[in-house]
Amino acid sequence: MSQERLVRMVSQGDENGVGKNHVYYTTYNNKNKKDPSKKHEERKYNPIAKKHTVYKQKK
C-alpha cells in the first residue's frame, strides 16, 4: 500500500459515544478534492459499537 495516500480515519462514535476513537486506515487521493480545506469523511462499520458510524480523516 502506498504510504503517500494512506490516511487515518478516526470514528466519532454513535449517539452514546460507544466506539469513539476506533481507527481505520484507508487510501484516499487528497489532490482530487473539490474543497482542499475540508477533511475526508465516510461511514464505515464500527465493530465496537456494532453499527455504522462516521469516520473523519485525522492527520
Protein backbone atom coordinates (compact mmCIF):
# COMPACT_ATOMS: atom_id res chain seq x y z
CA MET A 1 0.00 0.00 0.00
CA SER A 2 1.34 3.41 -0.95
CA GLN A 3 2.22 5.47 2.12
CA GLU A 4 1.64 8.75 0.27
CA ARG A 5 -2.12 8.24 0.01
CA LEU A 6 -2.60 6.41 3.31
CA VAL A 7 -4.95 8.30 5.65
CA ARG A 8 -6.04 7.57 9.20
CA MET A 9 -9.78 7.58 9.79
CA VAL A 10 -10.99 8.04 13.39
CA SER A 11 -14.52 7.15 14.49
CA GLN A 12 -16.77 9.76 16.07
CA GLY A 13 -18.76 7.02 17.84
CA ASP A 14 -22.51 6.53 17.95
CA GLU A 15 -25.02 8.81 19.69
CA ASN A 16 -23.99 7.43 23.11
CA GLY A 17 -20.25 7.75 22.43
CA VAL A 18 -19.70 3.98 22.10
CA GLY A 19 -16.85 3.09 19.75
CA LYS A 20 -15.28 6.54 19.78
CA ASN A 21 -11.64 6.77 18.57
CA HIS A 22 -11.69 3.43 16.73
CA VAL A 23 -9.09 3.69 13.94
CA TYR A 24 -9.47 2.61 10.32
CA TYR A 25 -6.76 3.09 7.66
CA THR A 26 -7.59 3.62 4.00
CA THR A 27 -6.13 5.20 0.88
CA TYR A 28 -7.54 8.46 -0.40
CA ASN A 29 -6.30 10.85 -3.07
CA ASN A 30 -6.40 14.31 -1.47
CA LYS A 31 -5.46 16.06 -4.72
CA ASN A 32 -8.85 15.36 -6.34
CA LYS A 33 -10.95 17.01 -3.63
CA LYS A 34 -13.26 19.88 -4.54
CA ASP A 35 -12.53 21.78 -1.32
CA PRO A 36 -8.91 21.15 -0.14
CA SER A 37 -9.51 22.59 3.34
CA LYS A 38 -12.23 20.01 4.12
CA LYS A 39 -11.31 16.67 5.72
CA HIS A 40 -12.44 13.38 4.15
CA GLU A 41 -15.36 11.75 5.93
CA GLU A 42 -17.24 8.49 5.34
CA ARG A 43 -19.49 6.00 7.10
CA LYS A 44 -17.90 2.65 7.97
CA TYR A 45 -18.83 -0.30 10.17
CA ASN A 46 -17.56 0.09 13.73
CA PRO A 47 -17.05 -3.33 15.38
CA ILE A 48 -17.03 -1.86 18.90
CA ALA A 49 -20.38 -0.06 18.51
CA LYS A 50 -21.66 -2.86 16.21
CA LYS A 51 -23.15 -0.34 13.76
CA HIS A 52 -22.11 2.09 11.04
CA THR A 53 -20.58 5.31 12.35
CA VAL A 54 -18.95 8.39 10.84
CA TYR A 55 -15.17 8.27 10.38
CA LYS A 56 -13.26 11.51 9.81
CA GLN A 57 -9.77 11.97 8.44
CA LYS A 58 -7.12 12.65 11.04
CA LYS A 59 -3.69 13.92 10.07
